[in-house]
Each structure stands twice: as C-alpha cells, then as structure tokens.
N, C-alpha and C. Protein backbone atom coordinates (compact mmCIF):
# COMPACT_ATOMS: atom_id res chain seq x y z
N MET A 1 -11.99 -7.97 10.87
CA MET A 1 -10.86 -7.36 10.19
C MET A 1 -11.24 -5.96 9.69
N ASN A 2 -10.25 -5.10 9.61
CA ASN A 2 -10.45 -3.78 9.01
C ASN A 2 -10.60 -3.94 7.51
N ARG A 3 -11.20 -2.93 6.85
CA ARG A 3 -11.39 -2.99 5.40
C ARG A 3 -11.04 -1.66 4.76
N ASN A 4 -10.54 -1.74 3.55
CA ASN A 4 -10.40 -0.55 2.73
C ASN A 4 -10.58 -0.95 1.27
N ILE A 5 -10.72 0.06 0.43
CA ILE A 5 -10.79 -0.14 -1.02
C ILE A 5 -9.48 0.40 -1.57
N GLU A 6 -8.81 -0.40 -2.41
CA GLU A 6 -7.49 -0.03 -2.89
C GLU A 6 -7.41 -0.03 -4.40
N ILE A 7 -6.53 0.84 -4.89
CA ILE A 7 -6.05 0.75 -6.27
C ILE A 7 -4.55 0.99 -6.24
N LYS A 8 -3.88 0.46 -7.25
CA LYS A 8 -2.45 0.70 -7.44
C LYS A 8 -2.25 0.94 -8.92
N ALA A 9 -1.43 1.95 -9.25
CA ALA A 9 -1.14 2.23 -10.66
C ALA A 9 0.31 2.64 -10.82
N LYS A 10 0.91 2.16 -11.90
CA LYS A 10 2.26 2.59 -12.28
C LYS A 10 2.10 3.94 -12.95
N VAL A 11 2.94 4.89 -12.56
CA VAL A 11 2.84 6.25 -13.10
C VAL A 11 4.21 6.77 -13.51
N ASP A 12 4.22 7.70 -14.45
CA ASP A 12 5.45 8.32 -14.90
C ASP A 12 5.75 9.61 -14.16
N ASP A 13 4.71 10.29 -13.68
CA ASP A 13 4.88 11.62 -13.11
C ASP A 13 4.20 11.73 -11.74
N VAL A 14 4.90 11.28 -10.69
CA VAL A 14 4.32 11.37 -9.35
C VAL A 14 4.22 12.82 -8.88
N GLU A 15 5.07 13.70 -9.41
CA GLU A 15 5.03 15.09 -9.00
C GLU A 15 3.69 15.74 -9.39
N ALA A 16 3.17 15.41 -10.57
CA ALA A 16 1.88 15.97 -11.00
C ALA A 16 0.76 15.50 -10.08
N ILE A 17 0.80 14.24 -9.68
CA ILE A 17 -0.22 13.71 -8.77
C ILE A 17 -0.07 14.35 -7.39
N ALA A 18 1.18 14.57 -6.95
CA ALA A 18 1.42 15.24 -5.66
C ALA A 18 0.82 16.64 -5.68
N GLN A 19 1.01 17.35 -6.78
CA GLN A 19 0.46 18.71 -6.91
C GLN A 19 -1.07 18.68 -6.82
N ARG A 20 -1.69 17.72 -7.51
CA ARG A 20 -3.16 17.62 -7.47
C ARG A 20 -3.64 17.27 -6.07
N ALA A 21 -2.91 16.42 -5.37
CA ALA A 21 -3.28 16.05 -4.00
C ALA A 21 -3.27 17.28 -3.11
N GLN A 22 -2.26 18.13 -3.27
CA GLN A 22 -2.19 19.38 -2.50
C GLN A 22 -3.37 20.27 -2.84
N GLU A 23 -3.69 20.38 -4.14
CA GLU A 23 -4.79 21.23 -4.58
C GLU A 23 -6.15 20.76 -4.05
N LEU A 24 -6.27 19.46 -3.83
CA LEU A 24 -7.53 18.90 -3.31
C LEU A 24 -7.67 19.09 -1.81
N GLY A 25 -6.70 19.76 -1.21
CA GLY A 25 -6.79 20.05 0.22
C GLY A 25 -6.29 18.93 1.10
N GLY A 26 -5.54 18.02 0.52
CA GLY A 26 -5.01 16.92 1.30
C GLY A 26 -3.92 17.38 2.26
N THR A 27 -3.74 16.65 3.34
CA THR A 27 -2.63 16.92 4.24
C THR A 27 -1.45 16.09 3.80
N GLY A 28 -0.28 16.61 4.02
CA GLY A 28 0.93 15.91 3.63
C GLY A 28 1.77 16.78 2.72
N PRO A 29 2.87 16.27 2.28
CA PRO A 29 3.22 14.86 2.41
C PRO A 29 4.00 14.55 3.69
N THR A 30 3.82 13.35 4.16
CA THR A 30 4.69 12.77 5.16
C THR A 30 5.54 11.76 4.40
N VAL A 31 6.85 11.93 4.43
CA VAL A 31 7.74 11.05 3.68
C VAL A 31 8.26 9.95 4.61
N LEU A 32 8.10 8.70 4.16
CA LEU A 32 8.46 7.53 4.95
C LEU A 32 9.39 6.63 4.16
N GLU A 33 10.46 6.19 4.79
CA GLU A 33 11.33 5.16 4.22
C GLU A 33 10.88 3.85 4.84
N GLN A 34 10.42 2.91 3.99
CA GLN A 34 9.84 1.67 4.51
C GLN A 34 10.53 0.45 3.92
N VAL A 35 10.69 -0.57 4.75
CA VAL A 35 11.15 -1.88 4.31
C VAL A 35 10.09 -2.88 4.74
N ASP A 36 9.49 -3.54 3.76
CA ASP A 36 8.45 -4.55 4.03
C ASP A 36 9.03 -5.93 3.78
N THR A 37 9.10 -6.73 4.84
CA THR A 37 9.56 -8.11 4.72
C THR A 37 8.33 -9.00 4.68
N PHE A 38 8.18 -9.72 3.57
CA PHE A 38 7.03 -10.62 3.39
C PHE A 38 7.43 -12.02 3.81
N PHE A 39 6.53 -12.69 4.53
CA PHE A 39 6.79 -14.03 5.03
C PHE A 39 5.94 -15.04 4.28
N VAL A 40 6.42 -16.26 4.24
CA VAL A 40 5.68 -17.35 3.64
C VAL A 40 4.45 -17.62 4.51
N CYS A 41 3.28 -17.64 3.91
CA CYS A 41 2.07 -17.96 4.66
C CYS A 41 1.08 -18.64 3.70
N PRO A 42 0.21 -19.51 4.23
CA PRO A 42 -0.65 -20.33 3.36
C PRO A 42 -1.73 -19.57 2.61
N ARG A 43 -2.16 -18.42 3.10
CA ARG A 43 -3.16 -17.62 2.38
C ARG A 43 -2.94 -16.15 2.70
N GLY A 44 -3.41 -15.28 1.83
CA GLY A 44 -3.21 -13.86 2.04
C GLY A 44 -1.73 -13.51 2.00
N ARG A 45 -1.41 -12.37 2.56
CA ARG A 45 -0.02 -11.91 2.61
C ARG A 45 0.27 -11.43 4.04
N LEU A 46 1.47 -11.73 4.50
CA LEU A 46 1.91 -11.33 5.83
C LEU A 46 3.22 -10.59 5.68
N LYS A 47 3.25 -9.33 6.17
CA LYS A 47 4.48 -8.55 6.06
C LYS A 47 4.75 -7.81 7.36
N LEU A 48 6.03 -7.58 7.59
CA LEU A 48 6.46 -6.74 8.69
C LEU A 48 7.02 -5.47 8.08
N ARG A 49 6.42 -4.35 8.42
CA ARG A 49 6.87 -3.05 7.90
C ARG A 49 7.80 -2.42 8.93
N GLN A 50 9.00 -2.10 8.47
CA GLN A 50 9.97 -1.42 9.32
C GLN A 50 10.23 -0.03 8.74
N PHE A 51 10.49 0.91 9.65
CA PHE A 51 10.71 2.30 9.27
C PHE A 51 12.16 2.67 9.51
N ALA A 52 12.74 3.43 8.58
CA ALA A 52 14.17 3.77 8.65
C ALA A 52 14.53 4.54 9.91
N ASP A 53 13.60 5.33 10.44
CA ASP A 53 13.93 6.21 11.57
C ASP A 53 13.44 5.69 12.93
N SER A 54 13.12 4.39 13.01
CA SER A 54 12.54 3.87 14.25
C SER A 54 12.77 2.37 14.38
N LYS A 55 12.83 1.89 15.63
CA LYS A 55 12.87 0.45 15.87
C LYS A 55 11.47 -0.16 15.81
N GLU A 56 10.45 0.71 15.88
CA GLU A 56 9.08 0.24 15.85
C GLU A 56 8.73 -0.27 14.46
N GLY A 57 7.68 -1.07 14.40
CA GLY A 57 7.23 -1.60 13.12
C GLY A 57 5.77 -1.98 13.19
N GLU A 58 5.27 -2.49 12.06
CA GLU A 58 3.88 -2.91 11.95
C GLU A 58 3.82 -4.28 11.28
N LEU A 59 3.18 -5.22 11.95
CA LEU A 59 2.92 -6.53 11.36
C LEU A 59 1.54 -6.44 10.73
N ILE A 60 1.48 -6.71 9.42
CA ILE A 60 0.24 -6.55 8.67
C ILE A 60 -0.10 -7.84 7.94
N TYR A 61 -1.27 -8.38 8.23
CA TYR A 61 -1.80 -9.51 7.47
C TYR A 61 -2.94 -8.97 6.63
N TYR A 62 -2.96 -9.31 5.32
CA TYR A 62 -4.06 -8.84 4.49
C TYR A 62 -4.45 -9.85 3.43
N GLU A 63 -5.72 -9.76 3.06
CA GLU A 63 -6.31 -10.57 2.00
C GLU A 63 -6.91 -9.62 0.98
N ARG A 64 -6.51 -9.77 -0.28
CA ARG A 64 -7.00 -8.90 -1.34
C ARG A 64 -6.92 -9.66 -2.65
N ALA A 65 -7.97 -9.55 -3.45
CA ALA A 65 -7.98 -10.19 -4.75
C ALA A 65 -6.97 -9.50 -5.67
N ASP A 66 -6.35 -10.28 -6.55
CA ASP A 66 -5.44 -9.73 -7.55
C ASP A 66 -6.25 -9.35 -8.77
N GLU A 67 -6.77 -8.12 -8.77
CA GLU A 67 -7.54 -7.62 -9.91
C GLU A 67 -7.25 -6.14 -10.07
N THR A 68 -7.37 -5.65 -11.32
CA THR A 68 -7.16 -4.22 -11.55
C THR A 68 -8.40 -3.46 -11.09
N GLY A 69 -8.22 -2.17 -10.87
CA GLY A 69 -9.34 -1.35 -10.45
C GLY A 69 -9.56 -1.43 -8.96
N PRO A 70 -10.50 -0.64 -8.45
CA PRO A 70 -10.78 -0.63 -7.01
C PRO A 70 -11.23 -2.00 -6.51
N LYS A 71 -10.63 -2.43 -5.41
CA LYS A 71 -10.95 -3.74 -4.83
C LYS A 71 -10.84 -3.67 -3.31
N GLN A 72 -11.60 -4.52 -2.65
CA GLN A 72 -11.58 -4.55 -1.19
C GLN A 72 -10.35 -5.29 -0.68
N SER A 73 -9.77 -4.75 0.36
CA SER A 73 -8.70 -5.40 1.10
C SER A 73 -9.16 -5.52 2.55
N ARG A 74 -9.01 -6.71 3.11
CA ARG A 74 -9.30 -6.94 4.53
C ARG A 74 -7.96 -7.13 5.22
N TYR A 75 -7.77 -6.44 6.36
CA TYR A 75 -6.45 -6.47 6.97
C TYR A 75 -6.51 -6.36 8.49
N ASP A 76 -5.45 -6.87 9.11
CA ASP A 76 -5.19 -6.69 10.53
C ASP A 76 -3.81 -6.08 10.66
N LEU A 77 -3.67 -5.07 11.50
CA LEU A 77 -2.40 -4.39 11.70
C LEU A 77 -2.07 -4.40 13.19
N HIS A 78 -0.85 -4.81 13.51
CA HIS A 78 -0.41 -4.84 14.91
C HIS A 78 0.94 -4.14 15.00
N ARG A 79 1.03 -3.16 15.88
CA ARG A 79 2.28 -2.42 16.06
C ARG A 79 3.20 -3.17 17.01
N THR A 80 4.50 -3.03 16.77
CA THR A 80 5.49 -3.65 17.63
C THR A 80 6.58 -2.64 17.97
N PRO A 81 7.06 -2.63 19.23
CA PRO A 81 8.12 -1.69 19.60
C PRO A 81 9.50 -2.16 19.15
N ASP A 82 9.62 -3.44 18.77
CA ASP A 82 10.93 -4.00 18.41
C ASP A 82 10.80 -4.82 17.13
N SER A 83 10.83 -4.14 16.00
CA SER A 83 10.61 -4.82 14.72
C SER A 83 11.75 -5.76 14.35
N GLU A 84 12.97 -5.46 14.78
CA GLU A 84 14.10 -6.33 14.43
C GLU A 84 13.97 -7.71 15.04
N SER A 85 13.62 -7.78 16.33
CA SER A 85 13.45 -9.08 16.99
C SER A 85 12.28 -9.86 16.39
N LEU A 86 11.17 -9.16 16.12
CA LEU A 86 10.01 -9.82 15.52
C LEU A 86 10.35 -10.34 14.13
N CYS A 87 11.10 -9.57 13.35
CA CYS A 87 11.50 -10.00 12.02
C CYS A 87 12.34 -11.28 12.10
N ALA A 88 13.27 -11.31 13.04
CA ALA A 88 14.12 -12.49 13.20
C ALA A 88 13.29 -13.72 13.57
N ALA A 89 12.33 -13.56 14.49
CA ALA A 89 11.50 -14.69 14.91
C ALA A 89 10.62 -15.19 13.77
N LEU A 90 9.97 -14.28 13.06
CA LEU A 90 9.10 -14.69 11.95
C LEU A 90 9.89 -15.30 10.80
N SER A 91 11.08 -14.77 10.55
CA SER A 91 11.93 -15.32 9.50
C SER A 91 12.31 -16.76 9.81
N ALA A 92 12.66 -17.02 11.07
CA ALA A 92 13.04 -18.37 11.47
C ALA A 92 11.84 -19.32 11.42
N ALA A 93 10.68 -18.84 11.85
CA ALA A 93 9.50 -19.70 11.95
C ALA A 93 8.83 -19.95 10.61
N LEU A 94 8.74 -18.92 9.77
CA LEU A 94 7.94 -19.02 8.55
C LEU A 94 8.75 -19.02 7.25
N GLY A 95 9.90 -18.39 7.28
CA GLY A 95 10.69 -18.19 6.07
C GLY A 95 10.31 -16.88 5.40
N VAL A 96 11.29 -16.26 4.77
CA VAL A 96 11.08 -14.97 4.10
C VAL A 96 10.75 -15.21 2.63
N ARG A 97 9.69 -14.62 2.19
CA ARG A 97 9.29 -14.67 0.78
C ARG A 97 10.06 -13.65 -0.04
N GLY A 98 10.25 -12.45 0.51
CA GLY A 98 10.97 -11.39 -0.19
C GLY A 98 10.87 -10.09 0.57
N VAL A 99 11.59 -9.08 0.07
CA VAL A 99 11.66 -7.78 0.73
C VAL A 99 11.38 -6.69 -0.29
N VAL A 100 10.55 -5.72 0.11
CA VAL A 100 10.21 -4.56 -0.72
C VAL A 100 10.72 -3.32 0.00
N ARG A 101 11.54 -2.54 -0.71
CA ARG A 101 12.06 -1.28 -0.16
C ARG A 101 11.45 -0.13 -0.94
N LYS A 102 10.94 0.87 -0.21
CA LYS A 102 10.31 1.99 -0.90
C LYS A 102 10.40 3.28 -0.09
N THR A 103 10.30 4.38 -0.85
CA THR A 103 10.11 5.69 -0.25
C THR A 103 8.68 6.08 -0.57
N ARG A 104 7.94 6.42 0.46
CA ARG A 104 6.52 6.72 0.31
C ARG A 104 6.24 8.15 0.76
N ALA A 105 5.55 8.90 -0.11
CA ALA A 105 5.01 10.21 0.28
C ALA A 105 3.53 9.99 0.54
N LEU A 106 3.10 10.25 1.75
CA LEU A 106 1.73 9.99 2.19
C LEU A 106 0.94 11.28 2.27
N TYR A 107 -0.22 11.29 1.60
CA TYR A 107 -1.18 12.38 1.69
C TYR A 107 -2.49 11.80 2.22
N LEU A 108 -3.24 12.61 2.93
CA LEU A 108 -4.56 12.21 3.40
C LEU A 108 -5.58 13.14 2.77
N ILE A 109 -6.56 12.55 2.06
CA ILE A 109 -7.64 13.31 1.45
C ILE A 109 -8.94 12.65 1.91
N GLY A 110 -9.62 13.28 2.87
CA GLY A 110 -10.83 12.68 3.43
C GLY A 110 -10.50 11.32 4.03
N PRO A 111 -11.27 10.28 3.67
CA PRO A 111 -11.02 8.96 4.24
C PRO A 111 -9.95 8.18 3.47
N THR A 112 -9.24 8.85 2.57
CA THR A 112 -8.32 8.15 1.67
C THR A 112 -6.87 8.48 1.95
N ARG A 113 -6.08 7.42 2.02
CA ARG A 113 -4.62 7.54 2.11
C ARG A 113 -4.09 7.47 0.68
N VAL A 114 -3.40 8.51 0.26
CA VAL A 114 -2.79 8.54 -1.07
C VAL A 114 -1.30 8.30 -0.88
N HIS A 115 -0.80 7.23 -1.49
CA HIS A 115 0.62 6.88 -1.38
C HIS A 115 1.29 7.13 -2.72
N LEU A 116 2.33 7.94 -2.74
CA LEU A 116 3.17 8.10 -3.92
C LEU A 116 4.46 7.37 -3.60
N ASP A 117 4.65 6.23 -4.25
CA ASP A 117 5.73 5.31 -3.91
C ASP A 117 6.81 5.26 -4.98
N ARG A 118 8.05 5.25 -4.52
CA ARG A 118 9.20 4.95 -5.37
C ARG A 118 9.74 3.62 -4.84
N VAL A 119 9.51 2.57 -5.62
CA VAL A 119 9.81 1.22 -5.17
C VAL A 119 11.10 0.74 -5.82
N GLU A 120 12.04 0.33 -4.99
CA GLU A 120 13.33 -0.14 -5.49
C GLU A 120 13.13 -1.32 -6.43
N GLY A 121 13.66 -1.20 -7.64
CA GLY A 121 13.57 -2.27 -8.62
C GLY A 121 12.31 -2.26 -9.46
N LEU A 122 11.35 -1.38 -9.15
CA LEU A 122 10.08 -1.36 -9.89
C LEU A 122 9.73 0.00 -10.47
N GLY A 123 10.06 1.09 -9.80
CA GLY A 123 9.72 2.42 -10.30
C GLY A 123 8.72 3.14 -9.43
N GLN A 124 7.93 4.02 -10.07
CA GLN A 124 7.00 4.91 -9.38
C GLN A 124 5.56 4.42 -9.50
N PHE A 125 4.85 4.52 -8.37
CA PHE A 125 3.47 4.07 -8.31
C PHE A 125 2.66 5.04 -7.46
N VAL A 126 1.35 4.99 -7.66
CA VAL A 126 0.42 5.66 -6.76
C VAL A 126 -0.54 4.59 -6.25
N GLU A 127 -0.84 4.66 -4.96
CA GLU A 127 -1.85 3.79 -4.36
C GLU A 127 -2.89 4.66 -3.68
N LEU A 128 -4.12 4.24 -3.76
CA LEU A 128 -5.20 4.85 -2.99
C LEU A 128 -5.73 3.79 -2.05
N GLU A 129 -5.93 4.16 -0.80
CA GLU A 129 -6.56 3.29 0.19
C GLU A 129 -7.70 4.07 0.82
N VAL A 130 -8.92 3.73 0.44
CA VAL A 130 -10.12 4.36 1.00
C VAL A 130 -10.51 3.55 2.23
N VAL A 131 -10.32 4.12 3.40
CA VAL A 131 -10.61 3.42 4.65
C VAL A 131 -12.12 3.40 4.87
N LEU A 132 -12.65 2.18 5.06
CA LEU A 132 -14.09 2.01 5.27
C LEU A 132 -14.41 1.88 6.75
N GLU A 133 -15.48 2.52 7.16
CA GLU A 133 -16.01 2.32 8.51
C GLU A 133 -16.78 0.99 8.50
N PRO A 134 -16.97 0.37 9.66
CA PRO A 134 -17.65 -0.93 9.69
C PRO A 134 -19.02 -0.93 9.01
N GLU A 135 -19.75 0.18 9.10
CA GLU A 135 -21.10 0.22 8.54
C GLU A 135 -21.12 0.57 7.05
N GLN A 136 -20.00 0.98 6.48
CA GLN A 136 -19.96 1.37 5.06
C GLN A 136 -19.82 0.14 4.16
N ASP A 137 -20.53 0.19 3.02
CA ASP A 137 -20.42 -0.92 2.09
C ASP A 137 -19.31 -0.67 1.08
N THR A 138 -18.91 -1.73 0.41
CA THR A 138 -17.81 -1.68 -0.54
C THR A 138 -18.08 -0.70 -1.67
N ALA A 139 -19.31 -0.65 -2.16
CA ALA A 139 -19.66 0.23 -3.28
C ALA A 139 -19.35 1.69 -2.96
N HIS A 140 -19.58 2.10 -1.72
CA HIS A 140 -19.29 3.47 -1.31
C HIS A 140 -17.79 3.77 -1.48
N GLY A 141 -16.96 2.87 -1.02
CA GLY A 141 -15.51 3.05 -1.15
C GLY A 141 -15.04 3.03 -2.59
N VAL A 142 -15.65 2.16 -3.40
CA VAL A 142 -15.30 2.09 -4.83
C VAL A 142 -15.61 3.42 -5.50
N ASP A 143 -16.77 4.01 -5.18
CA ASP A 143 -17.14 5.31 -5.76
C ASP A 143 -16.12 6.39 -5.38
N ILE A 144 -15.70 6.41 -4.13
CA ILE A 144 -14.71 7.39 -3.67
C ILE A 144 -13.40 7.19 -4.43
N ALA A 145 -12.97 5.94 -4.55
CA ALA A 145 -11.71 5.64 -5.24
C ALA A 145 -11.76 6.07 -6.70
N ARG A 146 -12.83 5.75 -7.39
CA ARG A 146 -12.96 6.13 -8.81
C ARG A 146 -12.96 7.65 -8.98
N ASN A 147 -13.69 8.33 -8.11
CA ASN A 147 -13.75 9.79 -8.17
C ASN A 147 -12.37 10.40 -7.94
N LEU A 148 -11.65 9.90 -6.96
CA LEU A 148 -10.33 10.42 -6.66
C LEU A 148 -9.32 10.08 -7.75
N MET A 149 -9.46 8.90 -8.37
CA MET A 149 -8.60 8.56 -9.50
C MET A 149 -8.73 9.62 -10.60
N GLU A 150 -9.96 10.00 -10.88
CA GLU A 150 -10.21 11.00 -11.92
C GLU A 150 -9.62 12.36 -11.53
N LYS A 151 -9.88 12.80 -10.29
CA LYS A 151 -9.39 14.10 -9.85
C LYS A 151 -7.86 14.18 -9.80
N LEU A 152 -7.22 13.06 -9.47
CA LEU A 152 -5.75 13.05 -9.38
C LEU A 152 -5.09 12.79 -10.73
N GLY A 153 -5.90 12.39 -11.73
CA GLY A 153 -5.34 12.09 -13.05
C GLY A 153 -4.60 10.78 -13.10
N ILE A 154 -5.09 9.78 -12.36
CA ILE A 154 -4.46 8.45 -12.37
C ILE A 154 -4.96 7.70 -13.59
N PRO A 155 -4.06 7.31 -14.48
CA PRO A 155 -4.49 6.66 -15.72
C PRO A 155 -4.95 5.22 -15.49
N ARG A 156 -6.12 4.88 -16.04
CA ARG A 156 -6.62 3.50 -15.92
C ARG A 156 -5.67 2.50 -16.57
N ALA A 157 -4.97 2.96 -17.63
CA ALA A 157 -4.04 2.07 -18.34
C ALA A 157 -2.89 1.63 -17.45
N GLY A 158 -2.60 2.40 -16.40
CA GLY A 158 -1.50 2.06 -15.51
C GLY A 158 -1.88 1.19 -14.34
N LEU A 159 -3.19 0.86 -14.20
CA LEU A 159 -3.63 0.07 -13.04
C LEU A 159 -2.91 -1.28 -12.98
N VAL A 160 -2.55 -1.65 -11.77
CA VAL A 160 -1.80 -2.88 -11.50
C VAL A 160 -2.64 -3.74 -10.58
N GLN A 161 -2.67 -5.04 -10.86
CA GLN A 161 -3.50 -5.91 -10.02
C GLN A 161 -2.75 -6.56 -8.88
N ARG A 162 -1.44 -6.63 -8.94
CA ARG A 162 -0.69 -7.40 -7.95
C ARG A 162 0.06 -6.52 -6.96
N ALA A 163 0.50 -7.13 -5.87
CA ALA A 163 1.28 -6.45 -4.85
C ALA A 163 2.71 -6.26 -5.34
N TYR A 164 3.42 -5.31 -4.72
CA TYR A 164 4.81 -5.06 -5.09
C TYR A 164 5.65 -6.33 -5.00
N ILE A 165 5.44 -7.13 -3.98
CA ILE A 165 6.23 -8.36 -3.82
C ILE A 165 6.02 -9.29 -5.02
N ASP A 166 4.79 -9.38 -5.50
CA ASP A 166 4.49 -10.22 -6.67
C ASP A 166 5.20 -9.68 -7.91
N LEU A 167 5.19 -8.37 -8.07
CA LEU A 167 5.85 -7.75 -9.23
C LEU A 167 7.35 -7.98 -9.18
N LEU A 168 7.93 -7.93 -8.00
CA LEU A 168 9.38 -8.18 -7.87
C LEU A 168 9.71 -9.64 -8.19
N GLU A 169 8.82 -10.55 -7.80
CA GLU A 169 9.08 -11.97 -8.06
C GLU A 169 8.96 -12.33 -9.53
N SER A 170 7.99 -11.72 -10.22
CA SER A 170 7.81 -12.00 -11.65
C SER A 170 7.27 -10.75 -12.33
N PRO A 171 8.15 -9.80 -12.66
CA PRO A 171 7.72 -8.50 -13.17
C PRO A 171 7.02 -8.54 -14.53
N SER A 172 7.22 -9.56 -15.32
CA SER A 172 6.66 -9.56 -16.68
C SER A 172 5.25 -10.11 -16.76
N THR A 173 4.71 -10.66 -15.66
CA THR A 173 3.35 -11.24 -15.72
C THR A 173 2.37 -10.41 -14.95
C-alpha cells in the first residue's frame, strides 16, 4: 500500500494559509469540486471520489488511526473512467455510509499536498498529506508535516483526529 503522513485542522482563515502556501513556492491552487461517497466496510474506510467536471473518479481504500497530529495513512487508489456506474454497483453491494461534498484548493509544496477544504456542513479545514517514498520512514514524514504546520501557521488547537465523514455523522464528539 502507498503511505503518507497526514494532519487535518479546522481553521478560520484559509486565505491566510493560501497566501503562505504561495509564499513557500508551492504550485497551485488547483480548485476541485469533489463528492466522496463512503461505503460500509468492515475495516478502514472506502470511498469513491467523483469530480464535478468529469465522469472519471477514484476509488480509495485507506487505513488511518483516529488521532490528532501527524499520523500515517496507508492507502490504495484506483482510477475509474465511469464513476457513476461504479458508485451504483458499490452502493448496491455494500451500502452507503454517507456523502461528503467539498471544494478543495490544492497546493503542492515539495512532497506535500496541501488541501484547503470548504466542507459542506462542517466549515473550513486544512489538510497536509506528506507523500512517503517506499524507503522513507514515518518519522521523516512527521518532521516534514510539523515543519510545514509551523510555516503555514496551522494552529495545533485546531487539529482534528477524525475523517470528514465521521464529523458529519457525529460532529460533537
């Protein structure tokens, strides 16, 4: 499985973080309208990501601990040319857990994907995904994430341990 180190934080001012991302020499933003349909599965999380401007999609299975701060995520991603048909088949076979709708501004800073998300029903968030090469250890990615959190001004108090789908299901816990 592929690996990355992730953080997620609720933020009040995504524009300030966007400005800092530009100043750090990041590429972007690429603005994406995404709909993530989560399916019932016995472990980890399984979602189909659909894009507003395309029939294509991405089926993503991932395992990640629910903890604040930088943490490892292990994932498999498979692209599909027909996300609507795949969504219908998976919905019938597994059942739908829930749907997350968001607008994402994507920046790339070195090995890190910086996501500035506006999530329907939840608000504004920033996510960092430090993509690890197979030979890199987790500590290396954690160091990159912590350093970038500081440079972007991501407040530790805003760190979130759960996925958007979990927050939508029970926002107060």
